[in-house]
PDB file of N, CA and C in Angstrom:
ATOM      1  N   UNK A   1      38.642-120.668  96.843  1.00  0.00           N
ATOM      2  CA  UNK A   1      39.865-120.769  97.384  1.00  0.00           C
ATOM      3  C   UNK A   1      40.479-119.514  97.052  1.00  0.00           C
ATOM      4  N   UNK A   2      41.208-118.545  97.718  1.00  0.00           N
ATOM      5  CA  UNK A   2      41.659-117.360  97.571  1.00  0.00           C
ATOM      6  C   UNK A   2      43.209-117.276  98.233  1.00  0.00           C
ATOM      7  N   UNK A   3      44.071-117.030  97.296  1.00  0.00           N
ATOM      8  CA  UNK A   3      45.623-116.847  97.624  1.00  0.00           C
ATOM      9  C   UNK A   3      45.945-115.561  97.665  1.00  0.00           C
ATOM     10  N   UNK A   4      46.576-115.057  98.521  1.00  0.00           N
ATOM     11  CA  UNK A   4      47.456-113.940  98.590  1.00  0.00           C
ATOM     12  C   UNK A   4      48.921-113.601  99.051  1.00  0.00           C
ATOM     13  N   UNK A   5      49.331-113.447  97.890  1.00  0.00           N
ATOM     14  CA  UNK A   5      50.582-113.464  97.909  1.00  0.00           C
ATOM     15  C   UNK A   5      51.546-111.911  98.145  1.00  0.00           C
ATOM     16  N   UNK A   6      52.289-111.727  99.083  1.00  0.00           N
ATOM     17  CA  UNK A   6      53.131-110.770  99.295  1.00  0.00           C
ATOM     18  C   UNK A   6      54.743-110.653  99.437  1.00  0.00           C
ATOM     19  N   UNK A   7      55.055-109.989  99.449  1.00  0.00           N
ATOM     20  CA  UNK A   7      56.875-109.806  99.732  1.00  0.00           C
ATOM     21  C   UNK A   7      57.495-109.742  98.866  1.00  0.00           C
ATOM     22  N   UNK A   8      57.475-109.485  97.693  1.00  0.00           N
ATOM     23  CA  UNK A   8      58.032-108.989  96.383  1.00  0.00           C
ATOM     24  C   UNK A   8      58.707-107.970  96.594  1.00  0.00           C
ATOM     25  N   UNK A   9      59.791-107.769  95.566  1.00  0.00           N
ATOM     26  CA  UNK A   9      60.519-106.309  95.663  1.00  0.00           C
ATOM     27  C   UNK A   9      61.817-106.409  94.815  1.00  0.00           C
ATOM     28  N   UNK A  10      62.420-105.442  94.830  1.00  0.00           N
ATOM     29  CA  UNK A  10      63.710-105.122  94.069  1.00  0.00           C
ATOM     30  C   UNK A  10      64.976-105.126  94.877  1.00  0.00           C
ATOM     31  N   UNK A  11      65.646-106.288  94.605  1.00  0.00           N
ATOM     32  CA  UNK A  11      66.793-106.218  95.751  1.00  0.00           C
ATOM     33  C   UNK A  11      68.231-106.414  94.636  1.00  0.00           C
ATOM     34  N   UNK A  12      69.362-106.120  95.307  1.00  0.00           N
ATOM     35  CA  UNK A  12      70.730-106.360  94.439  1.00  0.00           C
ATOM     36  C   UNK A  12      70.795-107.824  94.577  1.00  0.00           C
ATOM     37  N   UNK A  13      71.558-107.900  93.804  1.00  0.00           N
ATOM     38  CA  UNK A  13      72.231-109.530  93.804  1.00  0.00           C
ATOM     39  C   UNK A  13      73.232-110.127  94.646  1.00  0.00           C
ATOM     40  N   UNK A  14      72.899-110.949  95.779  1.00  0.00           N
ATOM     41  CA  UNK A  14      73.036-111.532  96.689  1.00  0.00           C
ATOM     42  C   UNK A  14      72.161-111.190  97.775  1.00  0.00           C
ATOM     43  N   UNK A  15      71.309-110.361  97.532  1.00  0.00           N
ATOM     44  CA  UNK A  15      70.682-110.168  98.689  1.00  0.00           C
ATOM     45  C   UNK A  15      69.772-111.197  98.946  1.00  0.00           C
ATOM     46  N   UNK A  16      68.355-111.029  99.695  1.00  0.00           N
ATOM     47  CA  UNK A  16      67.416-111.663 100.219  1.00  0.00           C
ATOM     48  C   UNK A  16      65.894-111.111 100.077  1.00  0.00           C
ATOM     49  N   UNK A  17      64.639-112.006 100.474  1.00  0.00           N
ATOM     50  CA  UNK A  17      63.587-111.784 100.318  1.00  0.00           C
ATOM     51  C   UNK A  17      62.964-112.697 100.682  1.00  0.00           C
ATOM     52  N   UNK A  18      61.894-112.526 100.980  1.00  0.00           N
ATOM     53  CA  UNK A  18      60.889-113.624 101.702  1.00  0.00           C
ATOM     54  C   UNK A  18      59.360-113.437 101.265  1.00  0.00           C
ATOM     55  N   UNK A  19      58.850-114.242 100.463  1.00  0.00           N
ATOM     56  CA  UNK A  19      57.765-114.322  99.916  1.00  0.00           C
ATOM     57  C   UNK A  19      56.650-114.625 101.141  1.00  0.00           C
ATOM     58  N   UNK A  20      55.449-114.373 101.143  1.00  0.00           N
ATOM     59  CA  UNK A  20      54.225-115.385 101.739  1.00  0.00           C
ATOM     60  C   UNK A  20      53.193-115.216 100.977  1.00  0.00           C
ATOM     61  N   UNK A  21      52.335-116.244 101.191  1.00  0.00           N
ATOM     62  CA  UNK A  21      51.179-116.491 100.591  1.00  0.00           C
ATOM     63  C   UNK A  21      50.268-117.373 101.385  1.00  0.00           C
ATOM     64  N   UNK A  22      49.232-116.261 101.715  1.00  0.00           N
ATOM     65  CA  UNK A  22      48.141-117.083 102.446  1.00  0.00           C
ATOM     66  C   UNK A  22      46.669-117.540 101.866  1.00  0.00           C
ATOM     67  N   UNK A  23      46.497-118.550 102.120  1.00  0.00           N
ATOM     68  CA  UNK A  23      44.866-118.952 101.998  1.00  0.00           C
ATOM     69  C   UNK A  23      44.167-118.944 102.463  1.00  0.00           C
ATOM     70  N   UNK A  24      42.921-119.168 101.771  1.00  0.00           N
ATOM     71  CA  UNK A  24      41.565-119.143 102.515  1.00  0.00           C
ATOM     72  C   UNK A  24      40.767-120.622 102.489  1.00  0.00           C
ATOM     73  N   UNK A  25      40.290-120.778 103.667  1.00  0.00           N
ATOM     74  CA  UNK A  25      39.354-121.960 103.348  1.00  0.00           C
ATOM     75  C   UNK A  25      40.430-123.122 104.441  1.00  0.00           C
ATOM     76  N   UNK A  26      40.096-124.584 103.849  1.00  0.00           N
ATOM     77  CA  UNK A  26      40.735-125.465 104.401  1.00  0.00           C
ATOM     78  C   UNK A  26      42.098-125.679 104.423  1.00  0.00           C
ATOM     79  N   UNK A  27      42.925-126.125 104.960  1.00  0.00           N
ATOM     80  CA  UNK A  27      44.430-126.764 104.747  1.00  0.00           C
ATOM     81  C   UNK A  27      44.852-127.437 103.470  1.00  0.00           C
ATOM     82  N   UNK A  28      45.594-126.905 102.938  1.00  0.00           N
ATOM     83  CA  UNK A  28      45.810-127.548 101.266  1.00  0.00           C
ATOM     84  C   UNK A  28      46.776-128.345 101.728  1.00  0.00           C
ATOM     85  N   UNK A  29      46.575-129.315 100.974  1.00  0.00           N
ATOM     86  CA  UNK A  29      47.498-130.428 101.080  1.00  0.00           C
ATOM     87  C   UNK A  29      48.964-130.142 100.342  1.00  0.00           C
ATOM     88  N   UNK A  30      49.191-129.467  99.307  1.00  0.00           N
ATOM     89  CA  UNK A  30      50.135-128.999  98.903  1.00  0.00           C
ATOM     90  C   UNK A  30      50.346-127.788  98.351  1.00  0.00           C
ATOM     91  N   UNK A  31      51.181-126.956  98.885  1.00  0.00           N
ATOM     92  CA  UNK A  31      51.078-125.277  98.603  1.00  0.00           C
ATOM     93  C   UNK A  31      52.498-125.142  97.878  1.00  0.00           C
ATOM     94  N   UNK A  32      52.989-124.248  96.860  1.00  0.00           N
ATOM     95  CA  UNK A  32      54.106-124.372  96.224  1.00  0.00           C
ATOM     96  C   UNK A  32      54.145-122.861  95.680  1.00  0.00           C
ATOM     97  N   UNK A  33      55.724-122.619  94.642  1.00  0.00           N
ATOM     98  CA  UNK A  33      55.424-121.357  93.834  1.00  0.00           C
ATOM     99  C   UNK A  33      56.066-122.122  92.435  1.00  0.00           C
ATOM    100  N   UNK A  34      55.645-121.202  91.760  1.00  0.00           N
ATOM    101  CA  UNK A  34      56.111-120.990  90.157  1.00  0.00           C
ATOM    102  C   UNK A  34      56.560-119.910  89.939  1.00  0.00           C
ATOM    103  N   UNK A  35      57.548-119.365  88.856  1.00  0.00           N
ATOM    104  CA  UNK A  35      57.796-118.268  88.607  1.00  0.00           C
ATOM    105  C   UNK A  35      57.602-118.076  86.792  1.00  0.00           C
ATOM    106  N   UNK A  36      57.449-117.002  86.473  1.00  0.00           N
ATOM    107  CA  UNK A  36      57.569-116.583  85.302  1.00  0.00           C
ATOM    108  C   UNK A  36      58.186-115.523  84.894  1.00  0.00           C
ATOM    109  N   UNK A  37      59.337-115.553  84.324  1.00  0.00           N
ATOM    110  CA  UNK A  37      59.839-114.360  83.728  1.00  0.00           C
ATOM    111  C   UNK A  37      59.731-113.810  82.306  1.00  0.00           C
ATOM    112  N   UNK A  38      59.977-112.562  81.854  1.00  0.00           N
ATOM    113  CA  UNK A  38      59.185-112.007  80.884  1.00  0.00           C
ATOM    114  C   UNK A  38      59.893-112.707  79.416  1.00  0.00           C
ATOM    115  N   UNK A  39      58.811-113.191  78.559  1.00  0.00           N
ATOM    116  CA  UNK A  39      58.911-113.911  77.493  1.00  0.00           C
ATOM    117  C   UNK A  39      59.596-115.147  77.508  1.00  0.00           C
ATOM    118  N   UNK A  40      59.510-115.988  79.104  1.00  0.00           N
ATOM    119  CA  UNK A  40      59.785-117.315  78.940  1.00  0.00           C
ATOM    120  C   UNK A  40      58.352-118.015  79.581  1.00  0.00           C
ATOM    121  N   UNK A  41      58.331-119.279  79.568  1.00  0.00           N
ATOM    122  CA  UNK A  41      57.455-120.295  80.205  1.00  0.00           C
ATOM    123  C   UNK A  41      57.632-120.169  82.042  1.00  0.00           C
ATOM    124  N   UNK A  42      56.225-120.537  82.276  1.00  0.00           N
ATOM    125  CA  UNK A  42      56.331-120.690  83.790  1.00  0.00           C
ATOM    126  C   UNK A  42      56.955-121.938  84.238  1.00  0.00           C
ATOM    127  N   UNK A  43      57.862-121.785  85.234  1.00  0.00           N
ATOM    128  CA  UNK A  43      58.516-122.935  85.278  1.00  0.00           C
ATOM    129  C   UNK A  43      58.328-122.919  87.429  1.00  0.00           C
ATOM    130  N   UNK A  44      58.418-124.396  87.601  1.00  0.00           N
ATOM    131  CA  UNK A  44      58.335-124.733  88.922  1.00  0.00           C
ATOM    132  C   UNK A  44      59.311-124.512  89.891  1.00  0.00           C
ATOM    133  N   UNK A  45      59.180-123.910  91.061  1.00  0.00           N
ATOM    134  CA  UNK A  45      59.939-123.381  91.543  1.00  0.00           C
ATOM    135  C   UNK A  45      60.264-124.156  92.851  1.00  0.00           C
ATOM    136  N   UNK A  46      59.107-124.702  93.697  1.00  0.00           N
ATOM    137  CA  UNK A  46      59.452-125.108  95.088  1.00  0.00           C
ATOM    138  C   UNK A  46      57.997-125.710  95.261  1.00  0.00           C
ATOM    139  N   UNK A  47      57.766-126.585  96.245  1.00  0.00           N
ATOM    140  CA  UNK A  47      56.500-127.094  97.158  1.00  0.00           C
ATOM    141  C   UNK A  47      56.948-127.701  98.278  1.00  0.00           C
ATOM    142  N   UNK A  48      55.596-127.569  99.071  1.00  0.00           N
ATOM    143  CA  UNK A  48      55.815-128.222 100.379  1.00  0.00           C
ATOM    144  C   UNK A  48      54.213-129.194 100.394  1.00  0.00           C
ATOM    145  N   UNK A  49      54.374-130.263 101.358  1.00  0.00           N
ATOM    146  CA  UNK A  49      53.356-130.788 101.770  1.00  0.00           C
ATOM    147  C   UNK A  49      52.665-130.479 102.697  1.00  0.00           C
ATOM    148  N   UNK A  50      51.682-130.696 102.954  1.00  0.00           N
ATOM    149  CA  UNK A  50      50.989-130.574 104.753  1.00  0.00           C
ATOM    150  C   UNK A  50      51.965-130.902 105.643  1.00  0.00           C
ATOM    151  N   UNK A  51      52.699-132.194 105.591  1.00  0.00           N
ATOM    152  CA  UNK A  51      53.345-132.974 106.323  1.00  0.00           C
ATOM    153  C   UNK A  51      54.880-132.089 106.360  1.00  0.00           C
ATOM    154  N   UNK A  52      55.106-131.213 105.728  1.00  0.00           N
ATOM    155  CA  UNK A  52      56.407-130.651 105.649  1.00  0.00           C
ATOM    156  C   UNK A  52      57.067-131.085 104.580  1.00  0.00           C
ATOM    157  N   UNK A  53      56.814-131.902 103.723  1.00  0.00           N
ATOM    158  CA  UNK A  53      57.838-132.431 102.721  1.00  0.00           C
ATOM    159  C   UNK A  53      58.322-131.663 101.561  1.00  0.00           C
ATOM    160  N   UNK A  54      59.344-131.328 101.073  1.00  0.00           N
ATOM    161  CA  UNK A  54      59.441-130.263 100.446  1.00  0.00           C
ATOM    162  C   UNK A  54      60.511-130.695  98.980  1.00  0.00           C
ATOM    163  N   UNK A  55      60.210-130.276  98.221  1.00  0.00           N
ATOM    164  CA  UNK A  55      60.636-130.344  96.683  1.00  0.00           C
ATOM    165  C   UNK A  55      60.895-128.818  96.139  1.00  0.00           C
ATOM    166  N   UNK A  56      62.478-129.137  95.553  1.00  0.00           N
ATOM    167  CA  UNK A  56      62.730-127.476  95.261  1.00  0.00           C
ATOM    168  C   UNK A  56      63.561-128.189  93.594  1.00  0.00           C
ATOM    169  N   UNK A  57      63.186-126.985  92.773  1.00  0.00           N
ATOM    170  CA  UNK A  57      63.823-127.262  91.333  1.00  0.00           C
ATOM    171  C   UNK A  57      65.286-126.994  91.775  1.00  0.00           C
ATOM    172  N   UNK A  58      66.112-127.620  90.361  1.00  0.00           N
ATOM    173  CA  UNK A  58      67.614-127.724  90.921  1.00  0.00           C
ATOM    174  C   UNK A  58      68.130-126.009  90.998  1.00  0.00           C
ATOM    175  N   UNK A  59      67.571-125.269  90.464  1.00  0.00           N
ATOM    176  CA  UNK A  59      68.212-123.865  90.461  1.00  0.00           C
ATOM    177  C   UNK A  59      68.180-122.859  91.482  1.00  0.00           C
ATOM    178  N   UNK A  60      67.343-123.552  92.375  1.00  0.00           N
ATOM    179  CA  UNK A  60      67.321-122.753  93.768  1.00  0.00           C
ATOM    180  C   UNK A  60      67.509-123.735  94.758  1.00  0.00           C
ATOM    181  N   UNK A  61      67.909-124.731  94.827  1.00  0.00           N
ATOM    182  CA  UNK A  61      68.755-125.546  95.862  1.00  0.00           C
ATOM    183  C   UNK A  61      69.921-124.936  96.777  1.00  0.00           C
ATOM    184  N   UNK A  62      69.553-124.791  98.082  1.00  0.00           N
ATOM    185  CA  UNK A  62      70.972-124.609  98.395  1.00  0.00           C
ATOM    186  C   UNK A  62      70.345-122.758  98.836  1.00  0.00           C
ATOM    187  N   UNK A  63      69.689-122.314  98.152  1.00  0.00           N
ATOM    188  CA  UNK A  63      69.593-120.854  98.369  1.00  0.00           C
ATOM    189  C   UNK A  63      67.866-120.382  98.689  1.00  0.00           C
ATOM    190  N   UNK A  64      67.044-120.882  98.514  1.00  0.00           N
ATOM    191  CA  UNK A  64      65.732-120.979  98.673  1.00  0.00           C
ATOM    192  C   UNK A  64      65.384-121.905  99.446  1.00  0.00           C
ATOM    193  N   UNK A  65      64.134-121.296 100.588  1.00  0.00           N
ATOM    194  CA  UNK A  65      63.673-122.288 101.695  1.00  0.00           C
ATOM    195  C   UNK A  65      62.434-122.069 101.666  1.00  0.00           C
ATOM    196  N   UNK A  66      61.498-123.313 101.549  1.00  0.00           N
ATOM    197  CA  UNK A  66      59.817-122.883 101.642  1.00  0.00           C
ATOM    198  C   UNK A  66      59.783-123.694 102.714  1.00  0.00           C
ATOM    199  N   UNK A  67      58.538-122.894 103.532  1.00  0.00           N
ATOM    200  CA  UNK A  67      58.113-123.503 104.948  1.00  0.00           C
ATOM    201  C   UNK A  67      56.449-123.242 104.797  1.00  0.00           C
ATOM    202  N   UNK A  68      55.887-123.557 105.892  1.00  0.00           N
ATOM    203  CA  UNK A  68      54.403-123.142 105.809  1.00  0.00           C
ATOM    204  C   UNK A  68      54.012-123.129 107.327  1.00  0.00           C
ATOM    205  N   UNK A  69      53.171-122.435 107.478  1.00  0.00           N
ATOM    206  CA  UNK A  69      52.441-122.720 109.118  1.00  0.00           C
ATOM    207  C   UNK A  69      51.068-123.013 108.776  1.00  0.00           C
ATOM    208  N   UNK A  70      50.907-124.186 109.005  1.00  0.00           N
ATOM    209  CA  UNK A  70      49.229-124.662 108.763  1.00  0.00           C
ATOM    210  C   UNK A  70      48.312-123.897 109.689  1.00  0.00           C
ATOM    211  N   UNK A  71      48.508-123.822 110.894  1.00  0.00           N
ATOM    212  CA  UNK A  71      47.747-123.243 111.738  1.00  0.00           C
ATOM    213  C   UNK A  71      47.017-121.482 111.118  1.00  0.00           C
ATOM    214  N   UNK A  72      47.931-121.044 110.370  1.00  0.00           N
ATOM    215  CA  UNK A  72      47.615-119.783 109.514  1.00  0.00           C
ATOM    216  C   UNK A  72      47.253-120.025 108.322  1.00  0.00           C
ATOM    217  N   UNK A  73      47.521-121.199 107.691  1.00  0.00           N
ATOM    218  CA  UNK A  73      47.169-121.718 106.225  1.00  0.00           C
ATOM    219  C   UNK A  73      48.066-120.703 105.361  1.00  0.00           C
ATOM    220  N   UNK A  74      49.029-120.179 105.662  1.00  0.00           N
ATOM    221  CA  UNK A  74      50.505-119.454 105.088  1.00  0.00           C
ATOM    222  C   UNK A  74      51.861-120.376 104.756  1.00  0.00           C
ATOM    223  N   UNK A  75      52.156-119.904 103.691  1.00  0.00           N
ATOM    224  CA  UNK A  75      53.237-120.361 103.229  1.00  0.00           C
ATOM    225  C   UNK A  75      54.343-119.567 103.032  1.00  0.00           C
ATOM    226  N   UNK A  76      55.408-119.626 103.255  1.00  0.00           N
ATOM    227  CA  UNK A  76      56.559-118.461 103.148  1.00  0.00           C
ATOM    228  C   UNK A  76      57.542-119.278 102.210  1.00  0.00           C
ATOM    229  N   UNK A  77      58.405-117.991 101.396  1.00  0.00           N
ATOM    230  CA  UNK A  77      59.460-118.684 100.637  1.00  0.00           C
ATOM    231  C   UNK A  77      60.757-117.576 101.056  1.00  0.00           C
ATOM    232  N   UNK A  78      61.719-118.272 101.819  1.00  0.00           N
ATOM    233  CA  UNK A  78      62.927-117.652 102.078  1.00  0.00           C
ATOM    234  C   UNK A  78      63.689-117.589 100.873  1.00  0.00           C
ATOM    235  N   UNK A  79      64.109-116.479 100.143  1.00  0.00           N
ATOM    236  CA  UNK A  79      65.046-116.461  99.203  1.00  0.00           C
ATOM    237  C   UNK A  79      66.316-115.637  99.523  1.00  0.00           C
ATOM    238  N   UNK A  80      67.552-116.284  99.368  1.00  0.00           N
ATOM    239  CA  UNK A  80      68.804-115.854  99.720  1.00  0.00           C
ATOM    240  C   UNK A  80      69.458-115.893  98.417  1.00  0.00           C
ATOM    241  N   UNK A  81      70.519-115.208  98.664  1.00  0.00           N
ATOM    242  CA  UNK A  81      71.653-115.413  97.576  1.00  0.00           C
ATOM    243  C   UNK A  81      71.071-114.918  95.989  1.00  0.00           C
ATOM    244  N   UNK A  82      70.072-114.119  95.719  1.00  0.00           N
ATOM    245  CA  UNK A  82      69.570-113.700  94.569  1.00  0.00           C
ATOM    246  C   UNK A  82      70.399-113.469  94.032  1.00  0.00           C
ATOM    247  N   UNK A  83      70.043-114.079  92.741  1.00  0.00           N
ATOM    248  CA  UNK A  83      70.760-113.719  91.120  1.00  0.00           C
ATOM    249  C   UNK A  83      69.431-112.824  90.475  1.00  0.00           C
ATOM    250  N   UNK A  84      70.396-112.269  89.218  1.00  0.00           N
ATOM    251  CA  UNK A  84      69.420-111.442  88.437  1.00  0.00           C
ATOM    252  C   UNK A  84      68.633-112.101  87.657  1.00  0.00           C
ATOM    253  N   UNK A  85      68.713-113.322  87.826  1.00  0.00           N
ATOM    254  CA  UNK A  85      67.998-114.451  86.539  1.00  0.00           C
ATOM    255  C   UNK A  85      66.967-115.095  87.496  1.00  0.00           C
ATOM    256  N   UNK A  86      66.858-114.592  88.753  1.00  0.00           N
ATOM    257  CA  UNK A  86      65.701-114.961  89.739  1.00  0.00           C
ATOM    258  C   UNK A  86      64.837-113.939  89.437  1.00  0.00           C
ATOM    259  N   UNK A  87      64.809-112.709  88.735  1.00  0.00           N
ATOM    260  CA  UNK A  87      63.970-111.948  88.081  1.00  0.00           C
ATOM    261  C   UNK A  87      62.682-112.426  87.571  1.00  0.00           C
ATOM    262  N   UNK A  88      61.359-112.512  88.246  1.00  0.00           N
ATOM    263  CA  UNK A  88      60.306-112.945  87.590  1.00  0.00           C
ATOM    264  C   UNK A  88      59.151-112.387  88.457  1.00  0.00           C
ATOM    265  N   UNK A  89      57.885-112.958  87.680  1.00  0.00           N
ATOM    266  CA  UNK A  89      56.643-112.863  88.836  1.00  0.00           C
ATOM    267  C   UNK A  89      56.387-114.139  89.514  1.00  0.00           C
ATOM    268  N   UNK A  90      56.540-114.281  90.615  1.00  0.00           N
ATOM    269  CA  UNK A  90      56.425-115.162  91.495  1.00  0.00           C
ATOM    270  C   UNK A  90      54.720-115.791  92.026  1.00  0.00           C
ATOM    271  N   UNK A  91      54.620-117.043  91.646  1.00  0.00           N
ATOM    272  CA  UNK A  91      52.967-117.304  91.568  1.00  0.00           C
ATOM    273  C   UNK A  91      52.697-118.537  92.559  1.00  0.00           C
ATOM    274  N   UNK A  92      52.396-118.071  93.739  1.00  0.00           N
ATOM    275  CA  UNK A  92      52.083-119.277  94.623  1.00  0.00           C
ATOM    276  C   UNK A  92      50.442-119.888  94.026  1.00  0.00           C
ATOM    277  N   UNK A  93      50.825-121.392  94.268  1.00  0.00           N
ATOM    278  CA  UNK A  93      49.327-122.085  93.920  1.00  0.00           C
ATOM    279  C   UNK A  93      49.278-123.299  95.234  1.00  0.00           C
ATOM    280  N   UNK A  94      48.096-123.859  94.799  1.00  0.00           N
ATOM    281  CA  UNK A  94      47.835-124.702  95.927  1.00  0.00           C
ATOM    282  C   UNK A  94      47.549-126.013  94.944  1.00  0.00           C
ATOM    283  N   UNK A  95      47.348-127.153  95.589  1.00  0.00           N
ATOM    284  CA  UNK A  95      47.616-128.442  94.783  1.00  0.00           C
ATOM    285  C   UNK A  95      46.534-129.616  95.778  1.00  0.00           C
ATOM    286  N   UNK A  96      45.252-129.456  95.179  1.00  0.00           N
ATOM    287  CA  UNK A  96      44.254-129.984  96.247  1.00  0.00           C
ATOM    288  C   UNK A  96      44.490-131.617  96.299  1.00  0.00           C
ATOM    289  N   UNK A  97      44.758-132.199  95.406  1.00  0.00           N
ATOM    290  CA  UNK A  97      44.509-133.466  95.104  1.00  0.00           C
ATOM    291  C   UNK A  97      45.651-134.218  94.434  1.00  0.00           C
ATOM    292  N   UNK A  98      46.921-133.624  94.701  1.00  0.00           N
ATOM    293  CA  UNK A  98      47.687-134.356  93.992  1.00  0.00           C
ATOM    294  C   UNK A  98      48.224-134.216  92.438  1.00  0.00           C
ATOM    295  N   UNK A  99      47.262-133.534  91.963  1.00  0.00           N
ATOM    296  CA  UNK A  99      47.455-133.628  90.436  1.00  0.00           C
ATOM    297  C   UNK A  99      47.897-132.205  89.698  1.00  0.00           C
ATOM    298  N   UNK A 100      48.356-131.365  90.342  1.00  0.00           N
ATOM    299  CA  UNK A 100      48.944-130.568  89.970  1.00  0.00           C
ATOM    300  C   UNK A 100      47.920-129.048  90.602  1.00  0.00           C
ATOM    301  N   UNK A 101      48.749-127.696  90.419  1.00  0.00           N
ATOM    302  CA  UNK A 101      48.193-126.842  90.864  1.00  0.00           C
ATOM    303  C   UNK A 101      46.974-126.643  90.479  1.00  0.00           C
ATOM    304  N   UNK A 102      45.896-126.595  91.549  1.00  0.00           N
ATOM    305  CA  UNK A 102      44.524-126.100  91.102  1.00  0.00           C
ATOM    306  C   UNK A 102      43.783-124.619  91.252  1.00  0.00           C
ATOM    307  N   UNK A 103      44.582-123.732  92.123  1.00  0.00           N
ATOM    308  CA  UNK A 103      44.147-122.495  92.183  1.00  0.00           C
ATOM    309  C   UNK A 103      45.797-121.735  92.594  1.00  0.00           C
ATOM    310  N   UNK A 104      45.419-120.474  92.027  1.00  0.00           N
ATOM    311  CA  UNK A 104      46.838-119.398  91.654  1.00  0.00           C
ATOM    312  C   UNK A 104      46.492-118.603  92.652  1.00  0.00           C
ATOM    313  N   UNK A 105      47.634-117.925  93.210  1.00  0.00           N
ATOM    314  CA  UNK A 105      47.801-116.391  93.787  1.00  0.00           C
ATOM    315  C   UNK A 105      47.590-115.366  92.747  1.00  0.00           C
ATOM    316  N   UNK A 106      47.849-114.219  92.712  1.00  0.00           N
ATOM    317  CA  UNK A 106      47.850-113.140  92.002  1.00  0.00           C
ATOM    318  C   UNK A 106      49.104-112.893  91.282  1.00  0.00           C
ATOM    319  N   UNK A 107      50.366-113.292  92.180  1.00  0.00           N
ATOM    320  CA  UNK A 107      51.777-113.320  91.827  1.00  0.00           C
ATOM    321  C   UNK A 107      52.181-111.906  92.528  1.00  0.00           C
ATOM    322  N   UNK A 108      54.007-112.030  92.460  1.00  0.00           N
ATOM    323  CA  UNK A 108      54.419-110.996  93.454  1.00  0.00           C
ATOM    324  C   UNK A 108      55.407-110.736  92.143  1.00  0.00           C
ATOM    325  N   UNK A 109      55.921-109.499  91.911  1.00  0.00           N
ATOM    326  CA  UNK A 109      57.202-109.474  91.518  1.00  0.00           C
ATOM    327  C   UNK A 109      58.468-109.366  92.204  1.00  0.00           C
ATOM    328  N   UNK A 110      59.686-110.075  91.847  1.00  0.00           N
ATOM    329  CA  UNK A 110      60.845-110.006  92.278  1.00  0.00           C
ATOM    330  C   UNK A 110      61.682-109.489  91.465  1.00  0.00           C
ATOM    331  N   UNK A 111      62.743-108.516  91.490  1.00  0.00           N
ATOM    332  CA  UNK A 111      63.403-107.977  90.678  1.00  0.00           C
ATOM    333  C   UNK A 111      64.960-107.990  91.217  1.00  0.00           C
ATOM    334  N   UNK A 112      66.033-108.774  90.664  1.00  0.00           N
ATOM    335  CA  UNK A 112      67.130-108.233  91.137  1.00  0.00           C
ATOM    336  C   UNK A 112      68.074-107.834  90.409  1.00  0.00           C
ATOM    337  N   UNK A 113      68.818-107.084  90.665  1.00  0.00           N
ATOM    338  CA  UNK A 113      69.753-106.418  89.847  1.00  0.00           C
ATOM    339  C   UNK A 113      71.286-106.833  90.244  1.00  0.00           C
ATOM    340  N   UNK A 114      72.041-106.607  88.921  1.00  0.00           N
ATOM    341  CA  UNK A 114      73.544-107.097  89.381  1.00  0.00           C
ATOM    342  C   UNK A 114      74.476-105.767  89.633  1.00  0.00           C
TER     343      UNK A 114
END
């Protein structure tokens, strides 16, 4: 399994970014994102099942939207109303069997300035 994340960058507070994560191989059951800020533990952000059921962490509800294109085996994360506390490395993952992340992408940096 190979996952290629892209789309990170630097924006000002209130701005938007779209991340993408393209996977090789079969269609994954669950895809999602974690993030890790300097000095902090990795935390769950959002996930989406193959059927389109979504799950969000409370701190991104109403601001972030996850969606996927199964034909392209690609997942996207639209991030709006970004805050400085959203600054982190965002890592995409796949969960093949419902027991948690089984493979990780390389991460993409998101930096939000105030």
